[in-house]
Amino acid sequence: MPKIKTHKSTAKRFKYTGSGKLMRTKIGKSHLRRKKSKRVKYQFDDMLEVTASGAKKRVQKLMPYAKKG
């Protein structure tokens, strides 16, 4: 069985926590931030848990060798 390549952009956007939760970054973080308030800008630093089971399965297929807790 050959190795499966990791989808690099997925690996940059998603991380697993120590307890095994899959976390994602928020959208709107990269550009057009000048018109946003300070409060909104620092809220972009938080990561959110991925709750949809279909999304979890998709990410696991794209990142087969990621640590899962």
PDB file of N, CA and C in Angstrom:
ATOM      1  N   MET A   1       0.839  -1.183   0.000  1.00  0.00           N
ATOM      2  CA  MET A   1       0.000   0.000   0.000  1.00  0.00           C
ATOM      3  C   MET A   1       0.886   1.249   0.000  1.00  0.00           C
ATOM      4  N   PRO A   2       0.738   2.151  -0.976  1.00  0.00           N
ATOM      5  CA  PRO A   2       1.579   3.349  -1.002  1.00  0.00           C
ATOM      6  C   PRO A   2       1.163   4.358   0.063  1.00  0.00           C
ATOM      7  N   LYS A   3       2.096   5.247   0.354  1.00  0.00           N
ATOM      8  CA  LYS A   3       1.794   6.317   1.296  1.00  0.00           C
ATOM      9  C   LYS A   3       0.770   7.269   0.682  1.00  0.00           C
ATOM     10  N   ILE A   4       0.000   7.934   1.532  1.00  0.00           N
ATOM     11  CA  ILE A   4      -0.970   8.924   1.076  1.00  0.00           C
ATOM     12  C   ILE A   4      -0.371  10.295   1.345  1.00  0.00           C
ATOM     13  N   LYS A   5      -0.428  11.178   0.355  1.00  0.00           N
ATOM     14  CA  LYS A   5       0.117  12.518   0.544  1.00  0.00           C
ATOM     15  C   LYS A   5      -0.803  13.343   1.429  1.00  0.00           C
ATOM     16  N   THR A   6      -0.212  14.156   2.289  1.00  0.00           N
ATOM     17  CA  THR A   6      -0.960  15.080   3.136  1.00  0.00           C
ATOM     18  C   THR A   6      -1.320  16.306   2.316  1.00  0.00           C
ATOM     19  N   HIS A   7      -2.564  16.743   2.420  1.00  0.00           N
ATOM     20  CA  HIS A   7      -3.021  17.961   1.763  1.00  0.00           C
ATOM     21  C   HIS A   7      -2.493  19.135   2.585  1.00  0.00           C
ATOM     22  N   LYS A   8      -1.528  19.870   2.038  1.00  0.00           N
ATOM     23  CA  LYS A   8      -0.766  20.842   2.824  1.00  0.00           C
ATOM     24  C   LYS A   8      -1.608  22.011   3.308  1.00  0.00           C
ATOM     25  N   SER A   9      -2.539  22.507   2.499  1.00  0.00           N
ATOM     26  CA  SER A   9      -3.339  23.642   2.960  1.00  0.00           C
ATOM     27  C   SER A   9      -4.281  23.223   4.085  1.00  0.00           C
ATOM     28  N   THR A  10      -4.728  21.966   4.069  1.00  0.00           N
ATOM     29  CA  THR A  10      -5.550  21.459   5.172  1.00  0.00           C
ATOM     30  C   THR A  10      -4.716  21.362   6.439  1.00  0.00           C
ATOM     31  N   ALA A  11      -3.485  20.907   6.317  1.00  0.00           N
ATOM     32  CA  ALA A  11      -2.616  20.768   7.482  1.00  0.00           C
ATOM     33  C   ALA A  11      -2.326  22.114   8.130  1.00  0.00           C
ATOM     34  N   LYS A  12      -2.325  23.189   7.343  1.00  0.00           N
ATOM     35  CA  LYS A  12      -2.075  24.522   7.896  1.00  0.00           C
ATOM     36  C   LYS A  12      -3.318  25.099   8.559  1.00  0.00           C
ATOM     37  N   ARG A  13      -4.493  24.678   8.143  1.00  0.00           N
ATOM     38  CA  ARG A  13      -5.742  25.261   8.658  1.00  0.00           C
ATOM     39  C   ARG A  13      -6.310  24.527   9.866  1.00  0.00           C
ATOM     40  N   PHE A  14      -6.001  23.254  10.023  1.00  0.00           N
ATOM     41  CA  PHE A  14      -6.589  22.438  11.086  1.00  0.00           C
ATOM     42  C   PHE A  14      -5.502  21.881  11.987  1.00  0.00           C
ATOM     43  N   LYS A  15      -5.807  21.772  13.277  1.00  0.00           N
ATOM     44  CA  LYS A  15      -4.887  21.182  14.243  1.00  0.00           C
ATOM     45  C   LYS A  15      -5.685  20.300  15.193  1.00  0.00           C
ATOM     46  N   TYR A  16      -5.035  19.272  15.705  1.00  0.00           N
ATOM     47  CA  TYR A  16      -5.625  18.442  16.750  1.00  0.00           C
ATOM     48  C   TYR A  16      -5.094  18.904  18.102  1.00  0.00           C
ATOM     49  N   THR A  17      -5.975  18.948  19.094  1.00  0.00           N
ATOM     50  CA  THR A  17      -5.546  19.279  20.454  1.00  0.00           C
ATOM     51  C   THR A  17      -4.994  18.021  21.105  1.00  0.00           C
ATOM     52  N   GLY A  18      -4.473  18.180  22.314  1.00  0.00           N
ATOM     53  CA  GLY A  18      -3.943  17.039  23.042  1.00  0.00           C
ATOM     54  C   GLY A  18      -5.009  16.019  23.378  1.00  0.00           C
ATOM     55  N   SER A  19      -6.247  16.490  23.573  1.00  0.00           N
ATOM     56  CA  SER A  19      -7.337  15.564  23.907  1.00  0.00           C
ATOM     57  C   SER A  19      -7.993  14.956  22.672  1.00  0.00           C
ATOM     58  N   GLY A  20      -7.553  15.378  21.465  1.00  0.00           N
ATOM     59  CA  GLY A  20      -8.062  14.771  20.250  1.00  0.00           C
ATOM     60  C   GLY A  20      -9.130  15.556  19.528  1.00  0.00           C
ATOM     61  N   LYS A  21      -9.448  16.772  19.992  1.00  0.00           N
ATOM     62  CA  LYS A  21     -10.439  17.592  19.297  1.00  0.00           C
ATOM     63  C   LYS A  21      -9.813  18.171  18.040  1.00  0.00           C
ATOM     64  N   LEU A  22     -10.612  18.269  16.992  1.00  0.00           N
ATOM     65  CA  LEU A  22     -10.154  18.871  15.752  1.00  0.00           C
ATOM     66  C   LEU A  22     -10.539  20.344  15.776  1.00  0.00           C
ATOM     67  N   MET A  23      -9.541  21.231  15.660  1.00  0.00           N
ATOM     68  CA  MET A  23      -9.770  22.670  15.745  1.00  0.00           C
ATOM     69  C   MET A  23      -9.502  23.307  14.389  1.00  0.00           C
ATOM     70  N   ARG A  24     -10.271  24.368  14.113  1.00  0.00           N
ATOM     71  CA  ARG A  24     -10.110  25.082  12.852  1.00  0.00           C
ATOM     72  C   ARG A  24      -9.900  26.561  13.120  1.00  0.00           C
ATOM     73  N   THR A  25      -9.287  27.245  12.147  1.00  0.00           N
ATOM     74  CA  THR A  25      -9.114  28.684  12.255  1.00  0.00           C
ATOM     75  C   THR A  25     -10.386  29.375  11.763  1.00  0.00           C
ATOM     76  N   LYS A  26     -10.543  30.625  12.147  1.00  0.00           N
ATOM     77  CA  LYS A  26     -11.715  31.387  11.714  1.00  0.00           C
ATOM     78  C   LYS A  26     -11.475  31.974  10.336  1.00  0.00           C
ATOM     79  N   ILE A  27     -12.564  32.231   9.611  1.00  0.00           N
ATOM     80  CA  ILE A  27     -12.433  32.848   8.293  1.00  0.00           C
ATOM     81  C   ILE A  27     -12.302  34.356   8.455  1.00  0.00           C
ATOM     82  N   GLY A  28     -11.799  35.013   7.414  1.00  0.00           N
ATOM     83  CA  GLY A  28     -11.702  36.460   7.421  1.00  0.00           C
ATOM     84  C   GLY A  28     -10.485  36.979   8.137  1.00  0.00           C
ATOM     85  N   LYS A  29      -9.486  36.142   8.346  1.00  0.00           N
ATOM     86  CA  LYS A  29      -8.343  36.493   9.176  1.00  0.00           C
ATOM     87  C   LYS A  29      -7.213  37.146   8.384  1.00  0.00           C
ATOM     88  N   SER A  30      -7.162  36.921   7.096  1.00  0.00           N
ATOM     89  CA  SER A  30      -5.937  37.224   6.368  1.00  0.00           C
ATOM     90  C   SER A  30      -5.840  38.644   5.808  1.00  0.00           C
ATOM     91  N   HIS A  31      -6.900  39.182   5.262  1.00  0.00           N
ATOM     92  CA  HIS A  31      -6.783  40.515   4.667  1.00  0.00           C
ATOM     93  C   HIS A  31      -8.110  41.264   4.823  1.00  0.00           C
ATOM     94  N   LEU A  32      -8.120  42.544   4.423  1.00  0.00           N
ATOM     95  CA  LEU A  32      -9.260  43.451   4.596  1.00  0.00           C
ATOM     96  C   LEU A  32      -9.608  43.613   6.078  1.00  0.00           C
ATOM     97  N   ARG A  33      -8.582  43.780   6.886  1.00  0.00           N
ATOM     98  CA  ARG A  33      -8.798  43.876   8.334  1.00  0.00           C
ATOM     99  C   ARG A  33      -8.783  45.318   8.833  1.00  0.00           C
ATOM    100  N   ARG A  34      -8.433  46.270   7.977  1.00  0.00           N
ATOM    101  CA  ARG A  34      -8.319  47.664   8.439  1.00  0.00           C
ATOM    102  C   ARG A  34      -9.646  48.215   8.916  1.00  0.00           C
ATOM    103  N   LYS A  35     -10.719  47.791   8.267  1.00  0.00           N
ATOM    104  CA  LYS A  35     -12.018  48.347   8.637  1.00  0.00           C
ATOM    105  C   LYS A  35     -12.698  47.594   9.782  1.00  0.00           C
ATOM    106  N   LYS A  36     -12.047  46.573  10.308  1.00  0.00           N
ATOM    107  CA  LYS A  36     -12.620  45.813  11.414  1.00  0.00           C
ATOM    108  C   LYS A  36     -12.148  46.388  12.752  1.00  0.00           C
ATOM    109  N   SER A  37     -12.964  46.245  13.763  1.00  0.00           N
ATOM    110  CA  SER A  37     -12.624  46.783  15.078  1.00  0.00           C
ATOM    111  C   SER A  37     -11.533  45.929  15.737  1.00  0.00           C
ATOM    112  N   LYS A  38     -10.903  46.510  16.764  1.00  0.00           N
ATOM    113  CA  LYS A  38      -9.857  45.785  17.489  1.00  0.00           C
ATOM    114  C   LYS A  38     -10.410  44.496  18.083  1.00  0.00           C
ATOM    115  N   ARG A  39     -11.610  44.594  18.619  1.00  0.00           N
ATOM    116  CA  ARG A  39     -12.220  43.428  19.266  1.00  0.00           C
ATOM    117  C   ARG A  39     -12.392  42.283  18.281  1.00  0.00           C
ATOM    118  N   VAL A  40     -12.862  42.588  17.086  1.00  0.00           N
ATOM    119  CA  VAL A  40     -13.060  41.564  16.064  1.00  0.00           C
ATOM    120  C   VAL A  40     -11.712  40.975  15.646  1.00  0.00           C
ATOM    121  N   LYS A  41     -10.707  41.838  15.528  1.00  0.00           N
ATOM    122  CA  LYS A  41      -9.395  41.363  15.083  1.00  0.00           C
ATOM    123  C   LYS A  41      -8.760  40.415  16.083  1.00  0.00           C
ATOM    124  N   TYR A  42      -8.877  40.691  17.378  1.00  0.00           N
ATOM    125  CA  TYR A  42      -8.266  39.751  18.323  1.00  0.00           C
ATOM    126  C   TYR A  42      -9.103  38.502  18.488  1.00  0.00           C
ATOM    127  N   GLN A  43     -10.386  38.552  18.117  1.00  0.00           N
ATOM    128  CA  GLN A  43     -11.188  37.327  18.163  1.00  0.00           C
ATOM    129  C   GLN A  43     -10.807  36.356  17.048  1.00  0.00           C
ATOM    130  N   PHE A  44     -10.159  36.851  15.992  1.00  0.00           N
ATOM    131  CA  PHE A  44      -9.697  35.961  14.924  1.00  0.00           C
ATOM    132  C   PHE A  44      -8.628  34.992  15.412  1.00  0.00           C
ATOM    133  N   ASP A  45      -7.948  35.309  16.519  1.00  0.00           N
ATOM    134  CA  ASP A  45      -6.874  34.461  17.009  1.00  0.00           C
ATOM    135  C   ASP A  45      -7.392  33.164  17.620  1.00  0.00           C
ATOM    136  N   ASP A  46      -8.664  33.141  18.027  1.00  0.00           N
ATOM    137  CA  ASP A  46      -9.233  31.933  18.624  1.00  0.00           C
ATOM    138  C   ASP A  46      -9.449  30.862  17.562  1.00  0.00           C
ATOM    139  N   MET A  47      -9.369  29.624  18.006  1.00  0.00           N
ATOM    140  CA  MET A  47      -9.691  28.518  17.116  1.00  0.00           C
ATOM    141  C   MET A  47     -10.988  27.879  17.595  1.00  0.00           C
ATOM    142  N   LEU A  48     -11.768  27.351  16.676  1.00  0.00           N
ATOM    143  CA  LEU A  48     -13.051  26.738  16.987  1.00  0.00           C
ATOM    144  C   LEU A  48     -12.980  25.240  16.741  1.00  0.00           C
ATOM    145  N   GLU A  49     -13.781  24.504  17.479  1.00  0.00           N
ATOM    146  CA  GLU A  49     -13.822  23.058  17.303  1.00  0.00           C
ATOM    147  C   GLU A  49     -14.665  22.715  16.076  1.00  0.00           C
ATOM    148  N   VAL A  50     -14.224  21.749  15.299  1.00  0.00           N
ATOM    149  CA  VAL A  50     -14.995  21.254  14.164  1.00  0.00           C
ATOM    150  C   VAL A  50     -16.018  20.263  14.709  1.00  0.00           C
ATOM    151  N   THR A  51     -17.306  20.566  14.508  1.00  0.00           N
ATOM    152  CA  THR A  51     -18.343  19.735  15.105  1.00  0.00           C
ATOM    153  C   THR A  51     -19.039  18.835  14.088  1.00  0.00           C
ATOM    154  N   ALA A  52     -19.099  19.215  12.824  1.00  0.00           N
ATOM    155  CA  ALA A  52     -19.791  18.395  11.824  1.00  0.00           C
ATOM    156  C   ALA A  52     -18.992  17.126  11.554  1.00  0.00           C
ATOM    157  N   SER A  53     -19.655  15.982  11.664  1.00  0.00           N
ATOM    158  CA  SER A  53     -18.944  14.707  11.499  1.00  0.00           C
ATOM    159  C   SER A  53     -18.444  14.516  10.073  1.00  0.00           C
ATOM    160  N   GLY A  54     -19.185  15.027   9.087  1.00  0.00           N
ATOM    161  CA  GLY A  54     -18.748  14.915   7.704  1.00  0.00           C
ATOM    162  C   GLY A  54     -17.471  15.691   7.453  1.00  0.00           C
ATOM    163  N   ALA A  55     -17.366  16.853   8.073  1.00  0.00           N
ATOM    164  CA  ALA A  55     -16.156  17.658   7.923  1.00  0.00           C
ATOM    165  C   ALA A  55     -14.974  16.972   8.586  1.00  0.00           C
ATOM    166  N   LYS A  56     -15.193  16.339   9.730  1.00  0.00           N
ATOM    167  CA  LYS A  56     -14.114  15.623  10.411  1.00  0.00           C
ATOM    168  C   LYS A  56     -13.582  14.497   9.542  1.00  0.00           C
ATOM    169  N   LYS A  57     -14.493  13.758   8.916  1.00  0.00           N
ATOM    170  CA  LYS A  57     -14.070  12.647   8.057  1.00  0.00           C
ATOM    171  C   LYS A  57     -13.255  13.154   6.874  1.00  0.00           C
ATOM    172  N   ARG A  58     -13.681  14.278   6.300  1.00  0.00           N
ATOM    173  CA  ARG A  58     -12.984  14.843   5.149  1.00  0.00           C
ATOM    174  C   ARG A  58     -11.576  15.276   5.536  1.00  0.00           C
ATOM    175  N   VAL A  59     -11.458  15.928   6.686  1.00  0.00           N
ATOM    176  CA  VAL A  59     -10.146  16.386   7.138  1.00  0.00           C
ATOM    177  C   VAL A  59      -9.253  15.193   7.454  1.00  0.00           C
ATOM    178  N   GLN A  60      -9.799  14.134   8.043  1.00  0.00           N
ATOM    179  CA  GLN A  60      -8.998  12.953   8.346  1.00  0.00           C
ATOM    180  C   GLN A  60      -8.477  12.285   7.076  1.00  0.00           C
ATOM    181  N   LYS A  61      -9.265  12.325   6.003  1.00  0.00           N
ATOM    182  CA  LYS A  61      -8.785  11.774   4.733  1.00  0.00           C
ATOM    183  C   LYS A  61      -7.674  12.636   4.140  1.00  0.00           C
ATOM    184  N   LEU A  62      -7.788  13.969   4.316  1.00  0.00           N
ATOM    185  CA  LEU A  62      -6.791  14.867   3.748  1.00  0.00           C
ATOM    186  C   LEU A  62      -5.511  14.918   4.578  1.00  0.00           C
ATOM    187  N   MET A  63      -5.623  14.616   5.885  1.00  0.00           N
ATOM    188  CA  MET A  63      -4.456  14.593   6.768  1.00  0.00           C
ATOM    189  C   MET A  63      -4.358  13.224   7.439  1.00  0.00           C
ATOM    190  N   PRO A  64      -3.949  12.199   6.722  1.00  0.00           N
ATOM    191  CA  PRO A  64      -3.999  10.849   7.285  1.00  0.00           C
ATOM    192  C   PRO A  64      -2.994  10.605   8.404  1.00  0.00           C
ATOM    193  N   TYR A  65      -1.908  11.371   8.475  1.00  0.00           N
ATOM    194  CA  TYR A  65      -0.867  11.101   9.453  1.00  0.00           C
ATOM    195  C   TYR A  65      -0.846  12.111  10.594  1.00  0.00           C
ATOM    196  N   ALA A  66      -1.888  12.941  10.699  1.00  0.00           N
ATOM    197  CA  ALA A  66      -1.950  13.917  11.777  1.00  0.00           C
ATOM    198  C   ALA A  66      -2.174  13.217  13.100  1.00  0.00           C
ATOM    199  N   LYS A  67      -1.629  13.779  14.148  1.00  0.00           N
ATOM    200  CA  LYS A  67      -1.818  13.185  15.479  1.00  0.00           C
ATOM    201  C   LYS A  67      -3.243  13.423  15.938  1.00  0.00           C
ATOM    202  N   LYS A  68      -3.902  12.384  16.394  1.00  0.00           N
ATOM    203  CA  LYS A  68      -5.301  12.477  16.801  1.00  0.00           C
ATOM    204  C   LYS A  68      -5.441  12.306  18.306  1.00  0.00           C
ATOM    205  N   GLY A  69      -4.632  13.027  19.041  1.00  0.00           N
ATOM    206  CA  GLY A  69      -4.785  13.000  20.502  1.00  0.00           C
ATOM    207  C   GLY A  69      -3.881  12.053  21.207  1.00  0.00           C
TER     208      GLY A  69
END
